[in-house]
Amino acid sequence: MKCKLSIQEKLKDLRIEKGLSLQELAEQTGICRASLGNYETDDYKEITHKAIVSLANFYGVTSDYLLGLTENREQHRFPVDDLGLDDE
């Protein structure tokens, strides 16, 4: 059985995969280094919605992936016109 990673573990793994220090990540995302470090701590639970969205976009993953709602990391962005929706 596959063990699901916590949001904290996912954030740390994604940062390490990119080869970034917390300071470098802070500089690139505009999120303070102390907050980023806290987000990666196992007992830290207060991650803002804005930070989740910012980090998901930065890493190119979905917020659903970070939140553990899916194991699919990929963001799928489709132009609205390609979705085949109409006004009726």
Foldseek 3Di string as FASTA:
>chain_A
DDDQDALLVVLVVLCVVVVHDLVRVCVVQVPDSVVSVLSNDPVRDDDDPVNLCSSLVVSQADSCCSHVVDVGGHDDDDDPVVVPDDPD
